[in-house]
Amino acid sequence: MKKLFFIMILLFAFTGTVYATVNINTASQTELESLQGIGPAKAKAIIEYREKNGSFTSIDDLEKVDGIGPGIIKQLRDLVTVEVAKSEEAPVKPE
């Protein structure tokens, strides 16, 4: 019984530290809402900002979104990325 308990504790310890990162440039409303501190209103504000102003270039750009301040950015820093979709990259000019 002690071994089973020990194995369960180890399982929870290792799985609790695994996080999937969310790309704020492509995330859906549901994906954004899965982040701690981001509810429906903030998720919608992120998407609207992104649609109006283009892709975020850094996580700190989230501060430009209404309702998101330094505290939330600090909370999200390890959980989000700002990868630009291939279709948004600048085209390469032929030489």
PDB file of N, CA and C in Angstrom:
ATOM      1  N   MET A   1       0.823  -1.194   0.000  1.00  0.00           N
ATOM      2  CA  MET A   1       0.000   0.000   0.000  1.00  0.00           C
ATOM      3  C   MET A   1       0.873   1.266   0.000  1.00  0.00           C
ATOM      4  N   LYS A   2       1.956   1.225   0.757  1.00  0.00           N
ATOM      5  CA  LYS A   2       2.850   2.382   0.796  1.00  0.00           C
ATOM      6  C   LYS A   2       3.493   2.626  -0.562  1.00  0.00           C
ATOM      7  N   LYS A   3       3.828   1.524  -1.262  1.00  0.00           N
ATOM      8  CA  LYS A   3       4.433   1.675  -2.584  1.00  0.00           C
ATOM      9  C   LYS A   3       3.461   2.324  -3.565  1.00  0.00           C
ATOM     10  N   LEU A   4       2.209   1.912  -3.513  1.00  0.00           N
ATOM     11  CA  LEU A   4       1.193   2.484  -4.390  1.00  0.00           C
ATOM     12  C   LEU A   4       1.026   3.979  -4.115  1.00  0.00           C
ATOM     13  N   PHE A   5       0.971   4.334  -2.859  1.00  0.00           N
ATOM     14  CA  PHE A   5       0.846   5.739  -2.471  1.00  0.00           C
ATOM     15  C   PHE A   5       2.055   6.544  -2.965  1.00  0.00           C
ATOM     16  N   PHE A   6       3.248   5.985  -2.792  1.00  0.00           N
ATOM     17  CA  PHE A   6       4.480   6.642  -3.222  1.00  0.00           C
ATOM     18  C   PHE A   6       4.485   6.838  -4.745  1.00  0.00           C
ATOM     19  N   ILE A   7       4.061   5.827  -5.483  1.00  0.00           N
ATOM     20  CA  ILE A   7       4.008   5.922  -6.937  1.00  0.00           C
ATOM     21  C   ILE A   7       3.015   6.992  -7.369  1.00  0.00           C
ATOM     22  N   MET A   8       1.869   7.058  -6.704  1.00  0.00           N
ATOM     23  CA  MET A   8       0.871   8.074  -7.035  1.00  0.00           C
ATOM     24  C   MET A   8       1.410   9.479  -6.785  1.00  0.00           C
ATOM     25  N   ILE A   9       2.114   9.659  -5.679  1.00  0.00           N
ATOM     26  CA  ILE A   9       2.703  10.962  -5.361  1.00  0.00           C
ATOM     27  C   ILE A   9       3.715  11.360  -6.433  1.00  0.00           C
ATOM     28  N   LEU A  10       4.578  10.431  -6.825  1.00  0.00           N
ATOM     29  CA  LEU A  10       5.562  10.730  -7.864  1.00  0.00           C
ATOM     30  C   LEU A  10       4.888  11.068  -9.197  1.00  0.00           C
ATOM     31  N   LEU A  11       3.853  10.337  -9.528  1.00  0.00           N
ATOM     32  CA  LEU A  11       3.136  10.584 -10.773  1.00  0.00           C
ATOM     33  C   LEU A  11       2.570  11.999 -10.799  1.00  0.00           C
ATOM     34  N   PHE A  12       1.923  12.408  -9.720  1.00  0.00           N
ATOM     35  CA  PHE A  12       1.370  13.756  -9.652  1.00  0.00           C
ATOM     36  C   PHE A  12       2.457  14.816  -9.650  1.00  0.00           C
ATOM     37  N   ALA A  13       3.576  14.540  -9.005  1.00  0.00           N
ATOM     38  CA  ALA A  13       4.672  15.507  -8.950  1.00  0.00           C
ATOM     39  C   ALA A  13       5.231  15.780 -10.336  1.00  0.00           C
ATOM     40  N   PHE A  14       5.411  14.716 -11.133  1.00  0.00           N
ATOM     41  CA  PHE A  14       5.990  14.902 -12.460  1.00  0.00           C
ATOM     42  C   PHE A  14       4.992  15.437 -13.471  1.00  0.00           C
ATOM     43  N   THR A  15       3.749  15.041 -13.395  1.00  0.00           N
ATOM     44  CA  THR A  15       2.774  15.528 -14.363  1.00  0.00           C
ATOM     45  C   THR A  15       2.337  16.952 -14.050  1.00  0.00           C
ATOM     46  N   GLY A  16       2.463  17.379 -12.819  1.00  0.00           N
ATOM     47  CA  GLY A  16       2.073  18.729 -12.442  1.00  0.00           C
ATOM     48  C   GLY A  16       2.995  19.794 -12.994  1.00  0.00           C
ATOM     49  N   THR A  17       4.201  19.414 -13.391  1.00  0.00           N
ATOM     50  CA  THR A  17       5.157  20.401 -13.884  1.00  0.00           C
ATOM     51  C   THR A  17       5.187  20.493 -15.402  1.00  0.00           C
ATOM     52  N   VAL A  18       4.374  19.701 -16.076  1.00  0.00           N
ATOM     53  CA  VAL A  18       4.341  19.729 -17.531  1.00  0.00           C
ATOM     54  C   VAL A  18       3.248  20.695 -17.987  1.00  0.00           C
ATOM     55  N   TYR A  19       3.642  21.694 -18.745  1.00  0.00           N
ATOM     56  CA  TYR A  19       2.692  22.677 -19.246  1.00  0.00           C
ATOM     57  C   TYR A  19       2.831  22.776 -20.759  1.00  0.00           C
ATOM     58  N   ALA A  20       1.729  22.929 -21.415  1.00  0.00           N
ATOM     59  CA  ALA A  20       1.765  23.208 -22.852  1.00  0.00           C
ATOM     60  C   ALA A  20       1.731  24.718 -23.001  1.00  0.00           C
ATOM     61  N   THR A  21       2.546  25.229 -23.888  1.00  0.00           N
ATOM     62  CA  THR A  21       2.534  26.670 -24.093  1.00  0.00           C
ATOM     63  C   THR A  21       1.454  27.032 -25.114  1.00  0.00           C
ATOM     64  N   VAL A  22       0.899  28.205 -24.949  1.00  0.00           N
ATOM     65  CA  VAL A  22      -0.153  28.706 -25.821  1.00  0.00           C
ATOM     66  C   VAL A  22       0.430  29.852 -26.641  1.00  0.00           C
ATOM     67  N   ASN A  23       0.309  29.750 -27.945  1.00  0.00           N
ATOM     68  CA  ASN A  23       0.793  30.799 -28.833  1.00  0.00           C
ATOM     69  C   ASN A  23      -0.274  31.890 -28.893  1.00  0.00           C
ATOM     70  N   ILE A  24       0.010  33.041 -28.320  1.00  0.00           N
ATOM     71  CA  ILE A  24      -0.998  34.107 -28.262  1.00  0.00           C
ATOM     72  C   ILE A  24      -1.308  34.705 -29.632  1.00  0.00           C
ATOM     73  N   ASN A  25      -0.503  34.392 -30.639  1.00  0.00           N
ATOM     74  CA  ASN A  25      -0.771  34.885 -31.981  1.00  0.00           C
ATOM     75  C   ASN A  25      -1.740  33.993 -32.757  1.00  0.00           C
ATOM     76  N   THR A  26      -1.964  32.782 -32.299  1.00  0.00           N
ATOM     77  CA  THR A  26      -2.842  31.870 -33.022  1.00  0.00           C
ATOM     78  C   THR A  26      -3.903  31.224 -32.138  1.00  0.00           C
ATOM     79  N   ALA A  27      -3.841  31.443 -30.841  1.00  0.00           N
ATOM     80  CA  ALA A  27      -4.733  30.756 -29.897  1.00  0.00           C
ATOM     81  C   ALA A  27      -6.192  31.146 -30.086  1.00  0.00           C
ATOM     82  N   SER A  28      -7.049  30.162 -29.901  1.00  0.00           N
ATOM     83  CA  SER A  28      -8.492  30.402 -29.944  1.00  0.00           C
ATOM     84  C   SER A  28      -8.945  30.987 -28.610  1.00  0.00           C
ATOM     85  N   GLN A  29     -10.181  31.405 -28.560  1.00  0.00           N
ATOM     86  CA  GLN A  29     -10.769  31.926 -27.326  1.00  0.00           C
ATOM     87  C   GLN A  29     -10.650  30.873 -26.211  1.00  0.00           C
ATOM     88  N   THR A  30     -10.978  29.637 -26.527  1.00  0.00           N
ATOM     89  CA  THR A  30     -10.933  28.555 -25.531  1.00  0.00           C
ATOM     90  C   THR A  30      -9.519  28.321 -25.029  1.00  0.00           C
ATOM     91  N   GLU A  31      -8.544  28.327 -25.933  1.00  0.00           N
ATOM     92  CA  GLU A  31      -7.151  28.129 -25.520  1.00  0.00           C
ATOM     93  C   GLU A  31      -6.685  29.256 -24.606  1.00  0.00           C
ATOM     94  N   LEU A  32      -7.042  30.484 -24.935  1.00  0.00           N
ATOM     95  CA  LEU A  32      -6.652  31.614 -24.094  1.00  0.00           C
ATOM     96  C   LEU A  32      -7.318  31.541 -22.722  1.00  0.00           C
ATOM     97  N   GLU A  33      -8.585  31.128 -22.692  1.00  0.00           N
ATOM     98  CA  GLU A  33      -9.302  31.017 -21.423  1.00  0.00           C
ATOM     99  C   GLU A  33      -8.731  29.927 -20.534  1.00  0.00           C
ATOM    100  N   SER A  34      -7.986  28.990 -21.099  1.00  0.00           N
ATOM    101  CA  SER A  34      -7.379  27.930 -20.294  1.00  0.00           C
ATOM    102  C   SER A  34      -6.214  28.446 -19.452  1.00  0.00           C
ATOM    103  N   LEU A  35      -5.765  29.646 -19.743  1.00  0.00           N
ATOM    104  CA  LEU A  35      -4.654  30.249 -19.000  1.00  0.00           C
ATOM    105  C   LEU A  35      -5.154  30.888 -17.709  1.00  0.00           C
ATOM    106  N   GLN A  36      -4.406  30.693 -16.648  1.00  0.00           N
ATOM    107  CA  GLN A  36      -4.764  31.285 -15.358  1.00  0.00           C
ATOM    108  C   GLN A  36      -4.781  32.804 -15.466  1.00  0.00           C
ATOM    109  N   GLY A  37      -5.872  33.412 -15.019  1.00  0.00           N
ATOM    110  CA  GLY A  37      -5.995  34.860 -15.029  1.00  0.00           C
ATOM    111  C   GLY A  37      -6.638  35.415 -16.292  1.00  0.00           C
ATOM    112  N   ILE A  38      -6.916  34.537 -17.266  1.00  0.00           N
ATOM    113  CA  ILE A  38      -7.548  34.974 -18.518  1.00  0.00           C
ATOM    114  C   ILE A  38      -8.941  34.354 -18.596  1.00  0.00           C
ATOM    115  N   GLY A  39      -9.939  35.196 -18.471  1.00  0.00           N
ATOM    116  CA  GLY A  39     -11.321  34.751 -18.600  1.00  0.00           C
ATOM    117  C   GLY A  39     -11.850  35.093 -19.977  1.00  0.00           C
ATOM    118  N   PRO A  40     -13.151  34.926 -20.190  1.00  0.00           N
ATOM    119  CA  PRO A  40     -13.742  35.194 -21.506  1.00  0.00           C
ATOM    120  C   PRO A  40     -13.508  36.620 -22.012  1.00  0.00           C
ATOM    121  N   ALA A  41     -13.641  37.612 -21.144  1.00  0.00           N
ATOM    122  CA  ALA A  41     -13.484  39.005 -21.576  1.00  0.00           C
ATOM    123  C   ALA A  41     -12.047  39.308 -21.998  1.00  0.00           C
ATOM    124  N   LYS A  42     -11.076  38.846 -21.223  1.00  0.00           N
ATOM    125  CA  LYS A  42      -9.672  39.111 -21.565  1.00  0.00           C
ATOM    126  C   LYS A  42      -9.250  38.318 -22.797  1.00  0.00           C
ATOM    127  N   ALA A  43      -9.750  37.089 -22.927  1.00  0.00           N
ATOM    128  CA  ALA A  43      -9.440  36.292 -24.116  1.00  0.00           C
ATOM    129  C   ALA A  43      -9.966  36.993 -25.360  1.00  0.00           C
ATOM    130  N   LYS A  44     -11.177  37.505 -25.276  1.00  0.00           N
ATOM    131  CA  LYS A  44     -11.774  38.217 -26.406  1.00  0.00           C
ATOM    132  C   LYS A  44     -10.980  39.485 -26.709  1.00  0.00           C
ATOM    133  N   ALA A  45     -10.542  40.188 -25.671  1.00  0.00           N
ATOM    134  CA  ALA A  45      -9.757  41.410 -25.866  1.00  0.00           C
ATOM    135  C   ALA A  45      -8.421  41.102 -26.545  1.00  0.00           C
ATOM    136  N   ILE A  46      -7.803  39.984 -26.189  1.00  0.00           N
ATOM    137  CA  ILE A  46      -6.530  39.586 -26.815  1.00  0.00           C
ATOM    138  C   ILE A  46      -6.756  39.327 -28.300  1.00  0.00           C
ATOM    139  N   ILE A  47      -7.805  38.576 -28.618  1.00  0.00           N
ATOM    140  CA  ILE A  47      -8.091  38.255 -30.016  1.00  0.00           C
ATOM    141  C   ILE A  47      -8.417  39.518 -30.805  1.00  0.00           C
ATOM    142  N   GLU A  48      -9.232  40.406 -30.243  1.00  0.00           N
ATOM    143  CA  GLU A  48      -9.586  41.650 -30.934  1.00  0.00           C
ATOM    144  C   GLU A  48      -8.352  42.526 -31.164  1.00  0.00           C
ATOM    145  N   TYR A  49      -7.474  42.614 -30.154  1.00  0.00           N
ATOM    146  CA  TYR A  49      -6.250  43.400 -30.308  1.00  0.00           C
ATOM    147  C   TYR A  49      -5.396  42.819 -31.431  1.00  0.00           C
ATOM    148  N   ARG A  50      -5.257  41.500 -31.432  1.00  0.00           N
ATOM    149  CA  ARG A  50      -4.450  40.799 -32.430  1.00  0.00           C
ATOM    150  C   ARG A  50      -5.015  41.019 -33.842  1.00  0.00           C
ATOM    151  N   GLU A  51      -6.333  40.962 -33.974  1.00  0.00           N
ATOM    152  CA  GLU A  51      -6.957  41.164 -35.289  1.00  0.00           C
ATOM    153  C   GLU A  51      -6.795  42.604 -35.779  1.00  0.00           C
ATOM    154  N   LYS A  52      -6.843  43.539 -34.862  1.00  0.00           N
ATOM    155  CA  LYS A  52      -6.745  44.953 -35.226  1.00  0.00           C
ATOM    156  C   LYS A  52      -5.303  45.405 -35.471  1.00  0.00           C
ATOM    157  N   ASN A  53      -4.361  44.906 -34.659  1.00  0.00           N
ATOM    158  CA  ASN A  53      -2.986  45.406 -34.678  1.00  0.00           C
ATOM    159  C   ASN A  53      -1.949  44.431 -35.229  1.00  0.00           C
ATOM    160  N   GLY A  54      -2.359  43.230 -35.552  1.00  0.00           N
ATOM    161  CA  GLY A  54      -1.409  42.237 -36.040  1.00  0.00           C
ATOM    162  C   GLY A  54      -0.811  41.428 -34.899  1.00  0.00           C
ATOM    163  N   SER A  55       0.120  40.578 -35.252  1.00  0.00           N
ATOM    164  CA  SER A  55       0.728  39.658 -34.298  1.00  0.00           C
ATOM    165  C   SER A  55       1.478  40.373 -33.185  1.00  0.00           C
ATOM    166  N   PHE A  56       1.478  39.739 -32.030  1.00  0.00           N
ATOM    167  CA  PHE A  56       2.303  40.207 -30.919  1.00  0.00           C
ATOM    168  C   PHE A  56       3.745  39.867 -31.244  1.00  0.00           C
ATOM    169  N   THR A  57       4.662  40.745 -30.894  1.00  0.00           N
ATOM    170  CA  THR A  57       6.078  40.472 -31.139  1.00  0.00           C
ATOM    171  C   THR A  57       6.794  40.005 -29.884  1.00  0.00           C
ATOM    172  N   SER A  58       6.185  40.248 -28.724  1.00  0.00           N
ATOM    173  CA  SER A  58       6.750  39.768 -27.460  1.00  0.00           C
ATOM    174  C   SER A  58       5.614  39.571 -26.464  1.00  0.00           C
ATOM    175  N   ILE A  59       5.893  38.833 -25.443  1.00  0.00           N
ATOM    176  CA  ILE A  59       4.896  38.598 -24.404  1.00  0.00           C
ATOM    177  C   ILE A  59       4.527  39.916 -23.728  1.00  0.00           C
ATOM    178  N   ASP A  60       5.479  40.812 -23.619  1.00  0.00           N
ATOM    179  CA  ASP A  60       5.224  42.113 -22.992  1.00  0.00           C
ATOM    180  C   ASP A  60       4.201  42.947 -23.758  1.00  0.00           C
ATOM    181  N   ASP A  61       3.992  42.644 -25.043  1.00  0.00           N
ATOM    182  CA  ASP A  61       2.977  43.353 -25.826  1.00  0.00           C
ATOM    183  C   ASP A  61       1.572  43.136 -25.276  1.00  0.00           C
ATOM    184  N   LEU A  62       1.372  42.087 -24.492  1.00  0.00           N
ATOM    185  CA  LEU A  62       0.054  41.837 -23.896  1.00  0.00           C
ATOM    186  C   LEU A  62      -0.392  43.001 -23.017  1.00  0.00           C
ATOM    187  N   GLU A  63       0.574  43.766 -22.517  1.00  0.00           N
ATOM    188  CA  GLU A  63       0.237  44.907 -21.665  1.00  0.00           C
ATOM    189  C   GLU A  63      -0.553  45.974 -22.435  1.00  0.00           C
ATOM    190  N   LYS A  64      -0.499  45.939 -23.744  1.00  0.00           N
ATOM    191  CA  LYS A  64      -1.247  46.884 -24.573  1.00  0.00           C
ATOM    192  C   LYS A  64      -2.730  46.519 -24.654  1.00  0.00           C
ATOM    193  N   VAL A  65      -3.081  45.312 -24.196  1.00  0.00           N
ATOM    194  CA  VAL A  65      -4.469  44.844 -24.227  1.00  0.00           C
ATOM    195  C   VAL A  65      -5.174  45.331 -22.966  1.00  0.00           C
ATOM    196  N   ASP A  66      -6.354  45.920 -23.126  1.00  0.00           N
ATOM    197  CA  ASP A  66      -7.123  46.413 -21.979  1.00  0.00           C
ATOM    198  C   ASP A  66      -7.353  45.292 -20.968  1.00  0.00           C
ATOM    199  N   GLY A  67      -7.076  45.588 -19.703  1.00  0.00           N
ATOM    200  CA  GLY A  67      -7.331  44.634 -18.631  1.00  0.00           C
ATOM    201  C   GLY A  67      -6.169  43.717 -18.313  1.00  0.00           C
ATOM    202  N   ILE A  68      -5.078  43.838 -19.040  1.00  0.00           N
ATOM    203  CA  ILE A  68      -3.911  42.984 -18.776  1.00  0.00           C
ATOM    204  C   ILE A  68      -2.756  43.868 -18.338  1.00  0.00           C
ATOM    205  N   GLY A  69      -2.253  43.580 -17.155  1.00  0.00           N
ATOM    206  CA  GLY A  69      -1.165  44.364 -16.604  1.00  0.00           C
ATOM    207  C   GLY A  69       0.049  43.515 -16.305  1.00  0.00           C
ATOM    208  N   PRO A  70       1.042  44.101 -15.665  1.00  0.00           N
ATOM    209  CA  PRO A  70       2.291  43.405 -15.370  1.00  0.00           C
ATOM    210  C   PRO A  70       2.109  42.123 -14.543  1.00  0.00           C
ATOM    211  N   GLY A  71       1.145  42.128 -13.628  1.00  0.00           N
ATOM    212  CA  GLY A  71       0.923  40.945 -12.795  1.00  0.00           C
ATOM    213  C   GLY A  71       0.492  39.740 -13.605  1.00  0.00           C
ATOM    214  N   ILE A  72      -0.431  39.943 -14.528  1.00  0.00           N
ATOM    215  CA  ILE A  72      -0.902  38.836 -15.365  1.00  0.00           C
ATOM    216  C   ILE A  72       0.202  38.397 -16.320  1.00  0.00           C
ATOM    217  N   ILE A  73       0.949  39.346 -16.858  1.00  0.00           N
ATOM    218  CA  ILE A  73       2.051  39.001 -17.757  1.00  0.00           C
ATOM    219  C   ILE A  73       3.077  38.150 -17.028  1.00  0.00           C
ATOM    220  N   LYS A  74       3.392  38.509 -15.801  1.00  0.00           N
ATOM    221  CA  LYS A  74       4.345  37.723 -15.003  1.00  0.00           C
ATOM    222  C   LYS A  74       3.825  36.299 -14.815  1.00  0.00           C
ATOM    223  N   GLN A  75       2.528  36.170 -14.565  1.00  0.00           N
ATOM    224  CA  GLN A  75       1.886  34.873 -14.379  1.00  0.00           C
ATOM    225  C   GLN A  75       1.957  34.024 -15.651  1.00  0.00           C
ATOM    226  N   LEU A  76       1.847  34.666 -16.800  1.00  0.00           N
ATOM    227  CA  LEU A  76       1.750  33.962 -18.076  1.00  0.00           C
ATOM    228  C   LEU A  76       3.090  33.722 -18.766  1.00  0.00           C
ATOM    229  N   ARG A  77       4.123  34.386 -18.330  1.00  0.00           N
ATOM    230  CA  ARG A  77       5.400  34.394 -19.051  1.00  0.00           C
ATOM    231  C   ARG A  77       5.889  32.999 -19.463  1.00  0.00           C
ATOM    232  N   ASP A  78       5.763  32.007 -18.603  1.00  0.00           N
ATOM    233  CA  ASP A  78       6.243  30.661 -18.923  1.00  0.00           C
ATOM    234  C   ASP A  78       5.188  29.807 -19.623  1.00  0.00           C
ATOM    235  N   LEU A  79       3.988  30.338 -19.791  1.00  0.00           N
ATOM    236  CA  LEU A  79       2.890  29.549 -20.351  1.00  0.00           C
ATOM    237  C   LEU A  79       2.518  29.937 -21.767  1.00  0.00           C
ATOM    238  N   VAL A  80       3.049  31.060 -22.260  1.00  0.00           N
ATOM    239  CA  VAL A  80       2.677  31.530 -23.592  1.00  0.00           C
ATOM    240  C   VAL A  80       3.906  31.742 -24.465  1.00  0.00           C
ATOM    241  N   THR A  81       3.667  31.696 -25.772  1.00  0.00           N
ATOM    242  CA  THR A  81       4.704  32.024 -26.758  1.00  0.00           C
ATOM    243  C   THR A  81       4.125  33.053 -27.714  1.00  0.00           C
ATOM    244  N   VAL A  82       4.992  33.623 -28.545  1.00  0.00           N
ATOM    245  CA  VAL A  82       4.546  34.621 -29.517  1.00  0.00           C
ATOM    246  C   VAL A  82       5.059  34.271 -30.911  1.00  0.00           C
ATOM    247  N   GLU A  83       4.987  33.010 -31.257  1.00  0.00           N
ATOM    248  CA  GLU A  83       5.437  32.584 -32.579  1.00  0.00           C
ATOM    249  C   GLU A  83       4.525  33.172 -33.643  1.00  0.00           C
ATOM    250  N   VAL A  84       5.127  33.634 -34.727  1.00  0.00           N
ATOM    251  CA  VAL A  84       4.383  34.217 -35.833  1.00  0.00           C
ATOM    252  C   VAL A  84       4.055  33.108 -36.820  1.00  0.00           C
ATOM    253  N   ALA A  85       2.812  33.065 -37.280  1.00  0.00           N
ATOM    254  CA  ALA A  85       2.395  32.062 -38.255  1.00  0.00           C
ATOM    255  C   ALA A  85       3.165  32.261 -39.553  1.00  0.00           C
ATOM    256  N   LYS A  86       3.441  31.190 -40.263  1.00  0.00           N
ATOM    257  CA  LYS A  86       4.207  31.254 -41.518  1.00  0.00           C
ATOM    258  C   LYS A  86       3.600  32.234 -42.509  1.00  0.00           C
ATOM    259  N   SER A  87       2.286  32.299 -42.581  1.00  0.00           N
ATOM    260  CA  SER A  87       1.638  33.186 -43.544  1.00  0.00           C
ATOM    261  C   SER A  87       1.829  34.666 -43.205  1.00  0.00           C
ATOM    262  N   GLU A  88       2.237  34.958 -41.966  1.00  0.00           N
ATOM    263  CA  GLU A  88       2.427  36.349 -41.550  1.00  0.00           C
ATOM    264  C   GLU A  88       3.869  36.812 -41.684  1.00  0.00           C
ATOM    265  N   GLU A  89       4.785  35.890 -41.946  1.00  0.00           N
ATOM    266  CA  GLU A  89       6.182  36.268 -42.087  1.00  0.00           C
ATOM    267  C   GLU A  89       6.371  37.098 -43.350  1.00  0.00           C
ATOM    268  N   ALA A  90       7.321  37.982 -43.308  1.00  0.00           N
ATOM    269  CA  ALA A  90       7.602  38.816 -44.475  1.00  0.00           C
ATOM    270  C   ALA A  90       8.109  37.943 -45.616  1.00  0.00           C
ATOM    271  N   PRO A  91       7.604  38.167 -46.814  1.00  0.00           N
ATOM    272  CA  PRO A  91       8.075  37.365 -47.945  1.00  0.00           C
ATOM    273  C   PRO A  91       9.537  37.655 -48.247  1.00  0.00           C
ATOM    274  N   VAL A  92      10.218  36.631 -48.702  1.00  0.00           N
ATOM    275  CA  VAL A  92      11.625  36.776 -49.070  1.00  0.00           C
ATOM    276  C   VAL A  92      11.682  37.266 -50.513  1.00  0.00           C
ATOM    277  N   LYS A  93      12.418  38.350 -50.738  1.00  0.00           N
ATOM    278  CA  LYS A  93      12.533  38.899 -52.091  1.00  0.00           C
ATOM    279  C   LYS A  93      13.604  38.134 -52.865  1.00  0.00           C
ATOM    280  N   PRO A  94      13.283  37.723 -54.071  1.00  0.00           N
ATOM    281  CA  PRO A  94      14.306  37.029 -54.868  1.00  0.00           C
ATOM    282  C   PRO A  94      15.399  38.001 -55.286  1.00  0.00           C
ATOM    283  N   GLU A  95      16.606  37.507 -55.402  1.00  0.00           N
ATOM    284  CA  GLU A  95      17.730  38.361 -55.780  1.00  0.00           C
ATOM    285  C   GLU A  95      17.929  38.398 -57.260  1.00  0.00           C
TER     286      GLU A  95
END
